[in-house]
């Protein structure tokens, strides 16, 4: 099965830390953009693909009207075969959450809600440029939990005041989401925060905040570097990414990975609307590149890489091709290995970039 991602690159205001492709608009999502999305979906070149997970992200997908969302889901159903238990996720900002909207999403078949909470501290939310306050975030979570049996929240650590992070985690645990994503704040080039990079926390503080999340979220399974879930509630769509499996991306700036080709749609709304699906980047990966990326991605996961599954997928054992880097990573304490699998250690989670660098250098 493949995954499907739909990108809605519109927000009411653009967060100063965000480096995703998006643009601020005062009103509704342009109808021309929704029309273009439908054309791209229905023009997908492969027929009969079975879909196990759909993720509608952005941007702010919750800006879509009910009619627009219904139309997009209808196009997906016309083009793809949906698995009986397919997971359909929509991202939402807390200030867009209304009971009638939540009910309508459920009626359309959306069965997973992801809320961009980021923090339960008002000062932190203002620093991050968020439109909602802590009280609104709390109420949105309560409403989401009432209407969705599968829901989660995104949180950001490293923004001032860093002392508020434990309180945010405690509020999170009180609300009992099925899934929690925790991301360290970055000051990326090209964002408004680039000029404030000197405000970033140091590495030691970052690690303390990261470990604080592990301590407070101990009832959850820390199944990926930045993600926690109750058993059975891991995000299926993101697991497709981390297992380096195929996915189709629709919308301006969306990425796809189909038949060994990684491609990106034009990251410009006007160009996308004029020619939906036109690729501004397209790279056919070599079989070895795919194997290397598969290892790197799996080593973001607590479960790591199952050796038998790797051999079945690629028709060869993971060793001896990668014996040297794997031995080195095990000796450094970044990976552990037994007869069935190879997986990251706690240190491998904390220094995960080191694993990628070692494998890419082979």
Protein backbone atom coordinates (compact mmCIF):
# COMPACT_ATOMS: atom_id res chain seq x y z
CA UNK A 1 0.00 0.00 0.00
CA UNK A 2 1.05 3.59 -0.56
CA UNK A 3 0.54 6.75 1.44
CA UNK A 4 -1.07 9.94 0.17
CA UNK A 5 -0.16 13.45 1.27
CA UNK A 6 -2.17 16.55 0.33
CA UNK A 7 -0.57 19.93 0.93
CA UNK A 8 -2.68 22.99 1.74
CA UNK A 9 -0.09 25.81 1.67
CA UNK A 10 -2.23 28.56 3.17
CA UNK A 11 -2.33 30.12 6.65
CA UNK A 12 -3.99 33.12 8.24
CA UNK A 13 -0.56 34.27 9.43
CA UNK A 14 2.81 32.70 8.79
CA UNK A 15 4.63 31.49 11.90
CA UNK A 16 8.11 33.05 12.12
CA UNK A 17 9.84 29.68 12.66
CA UNK A 18 8.11 27.79 9.83
CA UNK A 19 10.19 26.70 6.84
CA UNK A 20 7.45 24.66 5.13
CA UNK A 21 6.12 26.02 1.86
CA UNK A 22 3.13 28.18 2.76
CA UNK A 23 1.68 31.64 2.24
CA UNK A 24 -0.61 33.87 4.30
CA UNK A 25 -4.10 34.62 3.00
CA UNK A 26 -6.88 36.70 4.60
CA UNK A 27 -9.81 34.64 3.35
CA UNK A 28 -10.74 31.21 2.09
CA UNK A 29 -8.52 28.72 0.31
CA UNK A 30 -8.65 29.77 -3.38
CA UNK A 31 -11.06 27.62 -5.38
CA UNK A 32 -8.52 27.50 -8.22
CA UNK A 33 -6.13 25.69 -5.92
CA UNK A 34 -8.71 23.08 -4.92
CA UNK A 35 -9.56 22.61 -8.61
CA UNK A 36 -5.88 22.06 -9.37
CA UNK A 37 -5.58 19.52 -6.56
CA UNK A 38 -8.49 17.56 -7.98
CA UNK A 39 -6.94 17.60 -11.45
CA UNK A 40 -3.64 16.34 -10.09
CA UNK A 41 -5.25 13.58 -8.02
CA UNK A 42 -7.44 12.34 -10.87
CA UNK A 43 -4.49 12.55 -13.26
CA UNK A 44 -2.25 10.35 -11.10
CA UNK A 45 -0.66 8.02 -13.66
CA UNK A 46 -1.09 4.73 -11.79
CA UNK A 47 -4.43 2.96 -11.47
CA UNK A 48 -5.71 0.72 -8.72
CA UNK A 49 -3.20 1.72 -6.05
CA UNK A 50 -4.28 0.74 -2.55
CA UNK A 51 -3.94 3.49 0.05
CA UNK A 52 -3.33 2.76 3.71
CA UNK A 53 -2.97 6.33 4.98
CA UNK A 54 -3.89 9.85 3.92
CA UNK A 55 -2.42 12.94 5.57
CA UNK A 56 -3.85 16.38 4.82
CA UNK A 57 -1.22 18.84 6.00
CA UNK A 58 0.07 22.32 5.45
CA UNK A 59 -0.04 25.15 5.97
CA UNK A 60 -3.43 25.06 7.61
CA UNK A 61 -5.75 22.39 6.15
CA UNK A 62 -8.46 23.40 8.61
CA UNK A 63 -8.98 26.51 6.43
CA UNK A 64 -10.67 24.27 3.86
CA UNK A 65 -14.44 24.59 3.75
CA UNK A 66 -16.45 21.45 4.36
CA UNK A 67 -17.38 21.37 0.70
CA UNK A 68 -13.76 21.65 -0.41
CA UNK A 69 -12.60 18.88 1.90
CA UNK A 70 -15.47 16.65 0.83
CA UNK A 71 -14.56 17.21 -2.81
CA UNK A 72 -10.90 16.31 -2.23
CA UNK A 73 -11.80 13.13 -0.39
CA UNK A 74 -14.23 12.21 -3.17
CA UNK A 75 -11.46 12.61 -5.76
CA UNK A 76 -9.19 10.35 -3.71
CA UNK A 77 -11.92 7.72 -3.47
CA UNK A 78 -12.47 7.87 -7.23
CA UNK A 79 -8.77 7.41 -7.99
CA UNK A 80 -7.49 5.05 -5.29
CA UNK A 81 -8.57 1.91 -3.49
CA UNK A 82 -8.76 2.58 0.24
CA UNK A 83 -7.84 -0.15 2.69
CA UNK A 84 -10.70 -0.96 5.04
CA UNK A 85 -8.84 0.49 8.00
CA UNK A 86 -7.18 3.37 6.13
CA UNK A 87 -6.06 6.19 8.41
CA UNK A 88 -7.18 9.64 7.24
CA UNK A 89 -5.58 12.52 9.15
CA UNK A 90 -6.21 16.24 9.01
CA UNK A 91 -4.02 18.84 10.69
CA UNK A 92 -5.82 21.69 12.42
CA UNK A 93 -4.99 24.86 14.31
CA UNK A 94 -6.73 25.08 17.70
CA UNK A 95 -8.47 28.33 16.73
CA UNK A 96 -10.16 26.61 13.77
CA UNK A 97 -11.69 23.84 15.88
CA UNK A 98 -15.46 24.09 16.18
CA UNK A 99 -17.84 21.29 17.17
CA UNK A 100 -19.80 21.46 13.92
CA UNK A 101 -16.58 21.29 11.92
CA UNK A 102 -15.30 18.29 13.88
CA UNK A 103 -18.59 16.47 13.34
CA UNK A 104 -18.51 17.17 9.62
CA UNK A 105 -14.94 15.87 9.30
CA UNK A 106 -15.97 12.64 11.00
CA UNK A 107 -18.96 12.24 8.67
CA UNK A 108 -16.66 12.64 5.66
CA UNK A 109 -14.44 9.80 6.83
CA UNK A 110 -11.60 11.68 8.55
CA UNK A 111 -10.66 9.44 11.47
CA UNK A 112 -7.54 11.07 12.91
CA UNK A 113 -7.02 14.64 14.14
CA UNK A 114 -3.64 16.32 14.61
CA UNK A 115 -3.70 19.60 16.53
CA UNK A 116 -0.92 22.18 16.25
CA UNK A 117 -0.88 23.11 19.92
CA UNK A 118 2.90 23.85 20.23
CA UNK A 119 2.62 25.04 23.85
CA UNK A 120 0.28 25.61 26.76
CA UNK A 121 2.17 28.74 27.82
CA UNK A 122 0.85 32.08 26.54
CA UNK A 123 4.26 33.78 26.44
CA UNK A 124 5.69 30.89 24.41
CA UNK A 125 2.74 30.99 22.01
CA UNK A 126 3.22 34.72 21.43
CA UNK A 127 6.95 34.19 20.86
CA UNK A 128 6.13 31.51 18.28
CA UNK A 129 3.66 33.80 16.53
CA UNK A 130 0.70 31.52 17.13
CA UNK A 131 -2.81 32.91 16.85
CA UNK A 132 -4.32 30.89 19.70
CA UNK A 133 -3.68 31.15 23.44
CA UNK A 134 -3.25 28.36 25.97
CA UNK A 135 -6.91 28.33 27.01
CA UNK A 136 -8.05 27.97 23.40
CA UNK A 137 -5.57 25.15 22.85
CA UNK A 138 -6.84 23.31 25.91
CA UNK A 139 -10.48 23.63 24.83
CA UNK A 140 -9.65 22.54 21.27
CA UNK A 141 -7.97 19.42 22.63
CA UNK A 142 -10.97 18.59 24.79
CA UNK A 143 -13.29 18.99 21.81
CA UNK A 144 -11.00 16.92 19.61
CA UNK A 145 -10.86 14.14 22.18
CA UNK A 146 -14.66 14.12 22.39
CA UNK A 147 -15.09 13.64 18.65
CA UNK A 148 -12.05 11.59 17.65
CA UNK A 149 -10.93 8.35 19.25
CA UNK A 150 -7.59 8.86 17.47
CA UNK A 151 -6.11 12.30 17.96
CA UNK A 152 -2.77 13.86 18.75
CA UNK A 153 -0.95 17.12 19.29
CA UNK A 154 2.30 18.74 18.18
CA UNK A 155 4.48 20.49 20.77
CA UNK A 156 7.62 22.62 20.40
CA UNK A 157 10.40 22.84 22.98
CA UNK A 158 13.27 25.31 23.20
CA UNK A 159 11.21 28.51 23.01
CA UNK A 160 11.25 30.90 25.96
CA UNK A 161 10.59 30.51 28.75
CA UNK A 162 12.19 27.07 28.68
CA UNK A 163 11.09 26.62 32.29
CA UNK A 164 7.50 26.32 31.04
CA UNK A 165 8.20 23.10 29.13
CA UNK A 166 7.43 20.70 32.02
CA UNK A 167 4.08 22.45 32.60
CA UNK A 168 3.18 22.09 28.93
CA UNK A 169 4.00 18.38 29.10
CA UNK A 170 1.89 17.98 32.24
CA UNK A 171 -1.07 19.66 30.51
CA UNK A 172 -0.54 17.34 27.57
CA UNK A 173 -0.61 14.24 29.78
CA UNK A 174 -3.76 15.52 31.50
CA UNK A 175 -5.53 15.75 28.13
CA UNK A 176 -4.44 12.18 27.26
CA UNK A 177 -3.96 12.34 23.48
CA UNK A 178 -3.21 9.09 21.67
CA UNK A 179 -0.18 10.62 19.96
CA UNK A 180 2.30 13.37 20.82
CA UNK A 181 4.98 14.91 18.59
CA UNK A 182 7.71 16.99 20.24
CA UNK A 183 10.01 19.10 18.09
CA UNK A 184 12.95 21.25 19.07
CA UNK A 185 12.61 24.85 17.89
CA UNK A 186 14.91 25.67 14.97
CA UNK A 187 15.87 29.04 13.51
CA UNK A 188 16.03 28.08 9.85
CA UNK A 189 17.54 30.17 7.03
CA UNK A 190 14.85 31.97 5.08
CA UNK A 191 12.45 32.18 8.02
CA UNK A 192 11.67 35.26 10.09
CA UNK A 193 13.50 33.60 12.96
CA UNK A 194 16.76 33.41 11.02
CA UNK A 195 17.77 36.82 12.38
CA UNK A 196 17.12 35.56 15.93
CA UNK A 197 19.29 32.45 15.73
CA UNK A 198 21.33 33.73 18.68
CA UNK A 199 18.29 33.06 20.89
CA UNK A 200 18.45 29.30 20.29
CA UNK A 201 19.10 27.15 23.34
CA UNK A 202 22.50 25.47 23.62
CA UNK A 203 22.98 21.76 23.00
CA UNK A 204 22.99 20.83 26.67
CA UNK A 205 19.71 22.64 27.33
CA UNK A 206 18.19 21.10 24.18
CA UNK A 207 19.09 17.64 25.45
CA UNK A 208 17.64 18.36 28.88
CA UNK A 209 14.36 19.46 27.30
CA UNK A 210 14.31 16.41 25.04
CA UNK A 211 14.82 14.13 28.04
CA UNK A 212 12.15 16.01 29.99
CA UNK A 213 9.65 14.97 27.32
CA UNK A 214 10.71 11.34 27.69
CA UNK A 215 10.27 11.55 31.46
CA UNK A 216 6.82 13.16 31.35
CA UNK A 217 5.56 11.01 28.48
CA UNK A 218 6.75 7.75 30.01
CA UNK A 219 3.32 6.16 29.61
CA UNK A 220 3.68 6.52 25.86
CA UNK A 221 5.88 4.49 23.54
CA UNK A 222 8.70 6.67 22.21
CA UNK A 223 8.45 4.97 18.83
CA UNK A 224 10.35 7.56 16.76
CA UNK A 225 12.89 10.25 17.61
CA UNK A 226 10.27 12.99 17.98
CA UNK A 227 7.10 10.96 18.37
CA UNK A 228 5.24 9.18 21.16
CA UNK A 229 2.11 7.07 20.92
CA UNK A 230 -0.11 4.79 22.91
CA UNK A 231 0.17 1.23 21.54
CA UNK A 232 -1.59 0.97 18.18
CA UNK A 233 -1.79 4.73 17.65
CA UNK A 234 1.49 5.35 15.83
CA UNK A 235 0.94 7.69 12.87
CA UNK A 236 0.64 5.31 9.92
CA UNK A 237 1.37 7.93 7.31
CA UNK A 238 4.60 8.99 8.95
CA UNK A 239 5.60 5.35 9.38
CA UNK A 240 5.48 5.13 5.59
CA UNK A 241 8.09 7.91 5.42
CA UNK A 242 10.28 6.35 8.08
CA UNK A 243 10.17 2.95 6.42
CA UNK A 244 11.05 4.56 3.09
CA UNK A 245 7.91 3.18 1.46
CA UNK A 246 6.10 4.76 -1.51
CA UNK A 247 3.85 7.79 -1.16
CA UNK A 248 2.15 10.21 -3.52
CA UNK A 249 2.19 13.92 -2.73
CA UNK A 250 -0.39 16.32 -4.15
CA UNK A 251 -0.30 20.11 -4.00
CA UNK A 252 2.22 22.90 -4.39
CA UNK A 253 5.60 21.91 -2.99
CA UNK A 254 4.49 18.36 -2.14
CA UNK A 255 7.00 15.51 -2.36
CA UNK A 256 6.41 12.03 -3.77
CA UNK A 257 8.38 8.81 -3.72
CA UNK A 258 7.06 6.42 -6.35
CA UNK A 259 8.93 3.62 -8.17
CA UNK A 260 12.26 4.78 -6.81
CA UNK A 261 11.78 8.38 -7.98
CA UNK A 262 11.73 11.20 -5.45
CA UNK A 263 10.01 14.27 -6.90
CA UNK A 264 8.68 17.62 -5.76
CA UNK A 265 5.85 19.66 -7.21
CA UNK A 266 6.42 23.31 -8.08
CA UNK A 267 6.65 25.26 -4.80
CA UNK A 268 4.68 28.17 -6.20
CA UNK A 269 0.89 28.41 -6.06
CA UNK A 270 0.45 30.18 -9.41
CA UNK A 271 2.71 27.75 -11.26
CA UNK A 272 1.07 24.80 -9.56
CA UNK A 273 -2.46 25.97 -10.45
CA UNK A 274 -1.41 26.53 -14.07
CA UNK A 275 0.10 23.03 -14.36
CA UNK A 276 -0.80 20.86 -11.36
CA UNK A 277 1.61 18.01 -10.81
CA UNK A 278 4.50 19.58 -12.73
CA UNK A 279 7.72 18.51 -11.02
CA UNK A 280 10.38 21.10 -10.26
CA UNK A 281 12.64 18.35 -8.90
CA UNK A 282 12.81 14.70 -9.92
CA UNK A 283 15.57 12.28 -8.99
CA UNK A 284 15.67 8.59 -9.79
CA UNK A 285 17.52 6.97 -6.92
CA UNK A 286 19.90 4.10 -7.52
CA UNK A 287 19.09 0.78 -5.81
CA UNK A 288 21.97 1.37 -3.41
CA UNK A 289 20.76 4.90 -2.57
CA UNK A 290 17.36 3.45 -1.73
CA UNK A 291 18.95 0.84 0.53
CA UNK A 292 21.03 3.47 2.32
CA UNK A 293 18.02 5.73 2.82
CA UNK A 294 15.98 2.78 4.05
CA UNK A 295 18.55 2.11 6.76
CA UNK A 296 18.77 5.78 7.76
CA UNK A 297 15.00 6.11 8.00
CA UNK A 298 14.50 2.88 9.94
CA UNK A 299 17.13 3.97 12.44
CA UNK A 300 14.83 6.86 13.41
CA UNK A 301 12.45 4.23 14.77
CA UNK A 302 12.60 2.53 18.16
CA UNK A 303 11.97 -0.81 16.42
CA UNK A 304 14.79 -0.13 13.98
CA UNK A 305 15.24 -2.49 11.05
CA UNK A 306 13.94 -6.05 10.93
CA UNK A 307 16.60 -8.03 9.07
CA UNK A 308 14.18 -10.50 7.49
CA UNK A 309 11.97 -7.71 6.16
CA UNK A 310 15.00 -5.98 4.64
CA UNK A 311 16.13 -9.21 2.95
CA UNK A 312 12.64 -9.83 1.59
CA UNK A 313 12.37 -6.28 0.22
CA UNK A 314 15.77 -6.08 -1.42
CA UNK A 315 16.59 -9.71 -2.12
CA UNK A 316 19.79 -9.54 -0.08
CA UNK A 317 20.91 -9.45 3.52
CA UNK A 318 21.77 -6.10 5.12
CA UNK A 319 25.16 -7.60 5.79
CA UNK A 320 27.80 -7.83 4.32
CA UNK A 321 27.07 -4.67 2.25
CA UNK A 322 26.84 -2.44 5.33
CA UNK A 323 28.89 -4.45 7.81
CA UNK A 324 31.59 -1.82 8.38
CA UNK A 325 29.36 1.17 9.19
CA UNK A 326 26.99 -0.99 11.21
CA UNK A 327 29.86 -2.44 13.26
CA UNK A 328 31.23 1.05 13.84
CA UNK A 329 27.82 2.38 14.94
CA UNK A 330 27.32 -0.53 17.32
CA UNK A 331 30.80 0.04 18.80
CA UNK A 332 30.00 3.72 19.28
CA UNK A 333 26.85 2.80 21.17
CA UNK A 334 24.47 4.36 18.63
CA UNK A 335 22.94 1.04 17.48
CA UNK A 336 22.26 -2.35 19.05
CA UNK A 337 21.88 -5.61 17.16
CA UNK A 338 20.58 -9.13 17.69
CA UNK A 339 19.64 -11.96 15.34
CA UNK A 340 16.33 -10.38 14.32
CA UNK A 341 16.96 -6.65 14.11
CA UNK A 342 19.24 -3.63 14.30
CA UNK A 343 17.91 -0.58 16.13
CA UNK A 344 19.00 2.72 17.68
CA UNK A 345 19.98 2.98 21.31
CA UNK A 346 18.99 5.88 23.53
CA UNK A 347 22.20 7.59 22.46
CA UNK A 348 21.33 6.78 18.84
CA UNK A 349 18.07 8.68 19.27
CA UNK A 350 19.86 11.67 20.77
CA UNK A 351 22.67 11.72 18.18
CA UNK A 352 20.70 10.37 15.25
CA UNK A 353 22.40 12.57 12.65
CA UNK A 354 25.62 10.71 13.40
CA UNK A 355 24.01 7.49 12.18
CA UNK A 356 23.02 9.08 8.88
CA UNK A 357 26.45 10.59 8.35
CA UNK A 358 28.14 7.23 8.93
CA UNK A 359 25.88 5.44 6.44
CA UNK A 360 26.00 8.13 3.76
CA UNK A 361 29.78 8.05 3.92
CA UNK A 362 29.96 4.37 3.00
